[in-house]
Amino acid sequence: MTEKTAAIPDTSDQEEDAYDARIQKTGCQEENDTLLICYADKRDWRLCHAEMQAFRNCYQKNKQNAGSQDLEDLERAKKA
C-alpha cells in the first residue's frame, strides 16, 4: 500500500516572501510544511486538525522570533 503525498514545489529560485520569512524565523517551518502537505493531500482543513494544532503551538511559543521589523526591512530591500 502506497501513500500519496503532494510534492512541495521547489521555490529555491523564487524570491522569499514575507510569510515564508516569518515562518522560517519562528523555527516552525517543519510544522508549516507538514500542515500544507496535509491540506494538499486531503483538501479539507478540518482533516488536518492535529497538524494545525502542532503548527499553532510552535508558532505561539516562537512568534517573538518572527520580528515584524525584520520583515519590514526585507520588504524595503526588495523594493530598492
N, C-alpha and C. Protein backbone atom coordinates (compact mmCIF):
# COMPACT_ATOMS: atom_id res chain seq x y z
N MET A 1 0.85 -1.18 0.00
CA MET A 1 0.00 0.00 0.00
C MET A 1 0.89 1.24 0.00
N THR A 2 0.68 2.09 -0.95
CA THR A 2 1.46 3.32 -1.01
C THR A 2 0.59 4.50 -0.64
N GLU A 3 1.22 5.47 -0.05
CA GLU A 3 0.51 6.66 0.37
C GLU A 3 0.89 7.81 -0.56
N LYS A 4 -0.11 8.49 -1.08
CA LYS A 4 0.17 9.62 -1.96
C LYS A 4 0.47 10.84 -1.10
N THR A 5 1.48 11.54 -1.47
CA THR A 5 1.84 12.78 -0.80
C THR A 5 2.12 13.82 -1.86
N ALA A 6 1.49 14.96 -1.70
CA ALA A 6 1.71 16.04 -2.65
C ALA A 6 3.13 16.57 -2.49
N ALA A 7 3.78 16.81 -3.58
CA ALA A 7 5.14 17.34 -3.55
C ALA A 7 5.10 18.84 -3.31
N ILE A 8 6.03 19.30 -2.52
CA ILE A 8 6.17 20.73 -2.30
C ILE A 8 7.03 21.26 -3.44
N PRO A 9 6.54 22.27 -4.16
CA PRO A 9 7.30 22.78 -5.30
C PRO A 9 8.64 23.37 -4.87
N ASP A 10 9.64 23.23 -5.73
CA ASP A 10 10.95 23.80 -5.48
C ASP A 10 10.87 25.30 -5.72
N THR A 11 11.08 26.06 -4.67
CA THR A 11 10.99 27.51 -4.78
C THR A 11 12.35 28.16 -4.56
N SER A 12 13.42 27.40 -4.71
CA SER A 12 14.75 27.92 -4.42
C SER A 12 15.14 29.08 -5.33
N ASP A 13 14.57 29.15 -6.52
CA ASP A 13 14.92 30.23 -7.44
C ASP A 13 13.94 31.40 -7.37
N GLN A 14 12.98 31.34 -6.47
CA GLN A 14 11.99 32.40 -6.34
C GLN A 14 12.35 33.29 -5.16
N GLU A 15 11.84 34.52 -5.21
CA GLU A 15 12.07 35.45 -4.11
C GLU A 15 11.33 34.97 -2.87
N GLU A 16 11.94 35.21 -1.72
CA GLU A 16 11.31 34.85 -0.46
C GLU A 16 10.22 35.88 -0.16
N ASP A 17 9.04 35.41 0.22
CA ASP A 17 8.00 36.37 0.57
C ASP A 17 7.96 36.55 2.08
N ALA A 18 7.22 37.55 2.52
CA ALA A 18 7.18 37.89 3.94
C ALA A 18 6.64 36.75 4.79
N TYR A 19 5.65 36.02 4.28
CA TYR A 19 5.08 34.90 5.04
C TYR A 19 6.14 33.83 5.29
N ASP A 20 6.85 33.43 4.23
CA ASP A 20 7.88 32.41 4.37
C ASP A 20 8.99 32.87 5.31
N ALA A 21 9.36 34.14 5.20
CA ALA A 21 10.40 34.68 6.08
C ALA A 21 9.98 34.60 7.54
N ARG A 22 8.74 34.94 7.81
CA ARG A 22 8.24 34.92 9.19
C ARG A 22 8.22 33.49 9.72
N ILE A 23 7.74 32.55 8.93
CA ILE A 23 7.68 31.16 9.37
C ILE A 23 9.08 30.63 9.64
N GLN A 24 10.02 30.92 8.77
CA GLN A 24 11.39 30.45 8.97
C GLN A 24 12.01 31.04 10.23
N LYS A 25 11.75 32.30 10.50
CA LYS A 25 12.32 32.94 11.69
C LYS A 25 11.74 32.37 12.98
N THR A 26 10.53 31.86 12.95
CA THR A 26 9.94 31.28 14.16
C THR A 26 10.49 29.90 14.44
N GLY A 27 11.09 29.27 13.44
CA GLY A 27 11.58 27.91 13.62
C GLY A 27 10.49 26.87 13.45
N CYS A 28 9.37 27.25 12.84
CA CYS A 28 8.22 26.36 12.68
C CYS A 28 8.04 25.92 11.24
N GLN A 29 9.09 25.96 10.45
CA GLN A 29 8.98 25.59 9.04
C GLN A 29 8.52 24.15 8.86
N GLU A 30 9.06 23.24 9.66
CA GLU A 30 8.69 21.82 9.53
C GLU A 30 7.20 21.62 9.81
N GLU A 31 6.70 22.25 10.87
CA GLU A 31 5.28 22.14 11.21
C GLU A 31 4.41 22.76 10.12
N ASN A 32 4.85 23.88 9.57
CA ASN A 32 4.12 24.52 8.49
C ASN A 32 4.08 23.62 7.25
N ASP A 33 5.22 23.04 6.90
CA ASP A 33 5.27 22.15 5.74
C ASP A 33 4.35 20.94 5.93
N THR A 34 4.37 20.37 7.14
CA THR A 34 3.51 19.22 7.43
C THR A 34 2.04 19.60 7.28
N LEU A 35 1.68 20.77 7.76
CA LEU A 35 0.31 21.25 7.63
C LEU A 35 -0.08 21.45 6.17
N LEU A 36 0.80 22.07 5.39
CA LEU A 36 0.50 22.30 3.98
C LEU A 36 0.39 20.99 3.19
N ILE A 37 1.23 20.02 3.52
CA ILE A 37 1.15 18.72 2.86
C ILE A 37 -0.15 18.02 3.22
N CYS A 38 -0.55 18.10 4.49
CA CYS A 38 -1.82 17.50 4.90
C CYS A 38 -2.97 18.10 4.09
N TYR A 39 -2.99 19.43 3.99
CA TYR A 39 -4.07 20.07 3.24
C TYR A 39 -4.02 19.68 1.76
N ALA A 40 -2.83 19.63 1.19
CA ALA A 40 -2.71 19.26 -0.22
C ALA A 40 -3.20 17.83 -0.46
N ASP A 41 -2.94 16.95 0.49
CA ASP A 41 -3.38 15.56 0.36
C ASP A 41 -4.88 15.39 0.58
N LYS A 42 -5.42 16.08 1.58
CA LYS A 42 -6.81 15.85 2.00
C LYS A 42 -7.80 16.88 1.48
N ARG A 43 -7.30 18.05 1.10
CA ARG A 43 -8.14 19.14 0.57
C ARG A 43 -9.26 19.56 1.51
N ASP A 44 -9.01 19.41 2.80
CA ASP A 44 -10.01 19.79 3.80
C ASP A 44 -9.26 20.12 5.09
N TRP A 45 -9.25 21.39 5.47
CA TRP A 45 -8.54 21.80 6.68
C TRP A 45 -9.03 21.06 7.91
N ARG A 46 -10.31 20.69 7.93
CA ARG A 46 -10.87 20.02 9.11
C ARG A 46 -10.21 18.67 9.37
N LEU A 47 -9.64 18.07 8.33
CA LEU A 47 -8.97 16.78 8.47
C LEU A 47 -7.50 16.93 8.88
N CYS A 48 -7.07 18.16 9.06
CA CYS A 48 -5.68 18.44 9.42
C CYS A 48 -5.59 19.10 10.79
N HIS A 49 -6.51 18.76 11.68
CA HIS A 49 -6.58 19.40 12.99
C HIS A 49 -5.29 19.21 13.79
N ALA A 50 -4.76 17.99 13.82
CA ALA A 50 -3.55 17.72 14.61
C ALA A 50 -2.36 18.52 14.06
N GLU A 51 -2.24 18.58 12.74
CA GLU A 51 -1.16 19.33 12.11
C GLU A 51 -1.31 20.83 12.37
N MET A 52 -2.54 21.31 12.32
CA MET A 52 -2.81 22.73 12.59
C MET A 52 -2.46 23.06 14.04
N GLN A 53 -2.83 22.18 14.96
CA GLN A 53 -2.54 22.42 16.37
C GLN A 53 -1.04 22.42 16.64
N ALA A 54 -0.31 21.51 16.01
CA ALA A 54 1.14 21.45 16.18
C ALA A 54 1.79 22.75 15.68
N PHE A 55 1.33 23.23 14.52
CA PHE A 55 1.85 24.48 13.99
C PHE A 55 1.48 25.65 14.90
N ARG A 56 0.25 25.70 15.34
CA ARG A 56 -0.22 26.78 16.21
C ARG A 56 0.61 26.82 17.50
N ASN A 57 0.82 25.65 18.11
CA ASN A 57 1.60 25.59 19.35
C ASN A 57 3.03 26.09 19.13
N CYS A 58 3.65 25.64 18.06
CA CYS A 58 5.01 26.06 17.74
C CYS A 58 5.05 27.57 17.51
N TYR A 59 4.13 28.07 16.71
CA TYR A 59 4.14 29.50 16.39
C TYR A 59 3.91 30.35 17.63
N GLN A 60 2.99 29.94 18.49
CA GLN A 60 2.71 30.71 19.71
C GLN A 60 3.95 30.77 20.61
N LYS A 61 4.70 29.67 20.68
CA LYS A 61 5.91 29.65 21.52
C LYS A 61 7.04 30.48 20.92
N ASN A 62 7.03 30.66 19.62
CA ASN A 62 8.18 31.27 18.95
C ASN A 62 7.87 32.53 18.16
N LYS A 63 6.66 33.05 18.26
CA LYS A 63 6.28 34.18 17.40
C LYS A 63 7.11 35.43 17.66
N GLN A 64 7.68 35.55 18.85
CA GLN A 64 8.54 36.72 19.11
C GLN A 64 9.77 36.71 18.21
N ASN A 65 10.12 35.55 17.66
CA ASN A 65 11.27 35.46 16.76
C ASN A 65 10.95 35.92 15.34
N ALA A 66 9.65 36.07 15.03
CA ALA A 66 9.25 36.43 13.67
C ALA A 66 9.70 37.84 13.30
N GLY A 67 9.70 38.73 14.25
CA GLY A 67 10.24 40.07 14.05
C GLY A 67 9.58 40.88 12.96
N SER A 68 8.51 41.58 13.28
CA SER A 68 7.83 42.42 12.29
C SER A 68 8.78 43.44 11.68
N GLN A 69 9.68 43.99 12.47
CA GLN A 69 10.63 44.98 11.95
C GLN A 69 11.52 44.35 10.89
N ASP A 70 11.99 43.13 11.13
CA ASP A 70 12.82 42.44 10.15
C ASP A 70 12.07 42.24 8.84
N LEU A 71 10.79 41.94 8.92
CA LEU A 71 10.00 41.74 7.71
C LEU A 71 9.83 43.05 6.95
N GLU A 72 9.66 44.14 7.67
CA GLU A 72 9.57 45.44 7.01
C GLU A 72 10.88 45.76 6.30
N ASP A 73 12.01 45.45 6.93
CA ASP A 73 13.31 45.67 6.30
C ASP A 73 13.45 44.81 5.04
N LEU A 74 12.97 43.58 5.09
CA LEU A 74 13.03 42.68 3.93
C LEU A 74 12.21 43.26 2.78
N GLU A 75 11.03 43.75 3.06
CA GLU A 75 10.18 44.33 2.02
C GLU A 75 10.84 45.58 1.42
N ARG A 76 11.44 46.42 2.27
CA ARG A 76 12.13 47.61 1.77
C ARG A 76 13.30 47.23 0.87
N ALA A 77 14.03 46.20 1.25
CA ALA A 77 15.18 45.76 0.46
C ALA A 77 14.74 45.25 -0.91
N LYS A 78 13.59 44.60 -0.97
CA LYS A 78 13.07 44.10 -2.25
C LYS A 78 12.75 45.26 -3.20
N LYS A 79 12.23 46.35 -2.64
CA LYS A 79 11.82 47.49 -3.45
C LYS A 79 13.00 48.33 -3.91
N ALA A 80 14.10 48.25 -3.19
CA ALA A 80 15.28 49.08 -3.51
C ALA A 80 16.02 48.60 -4.74
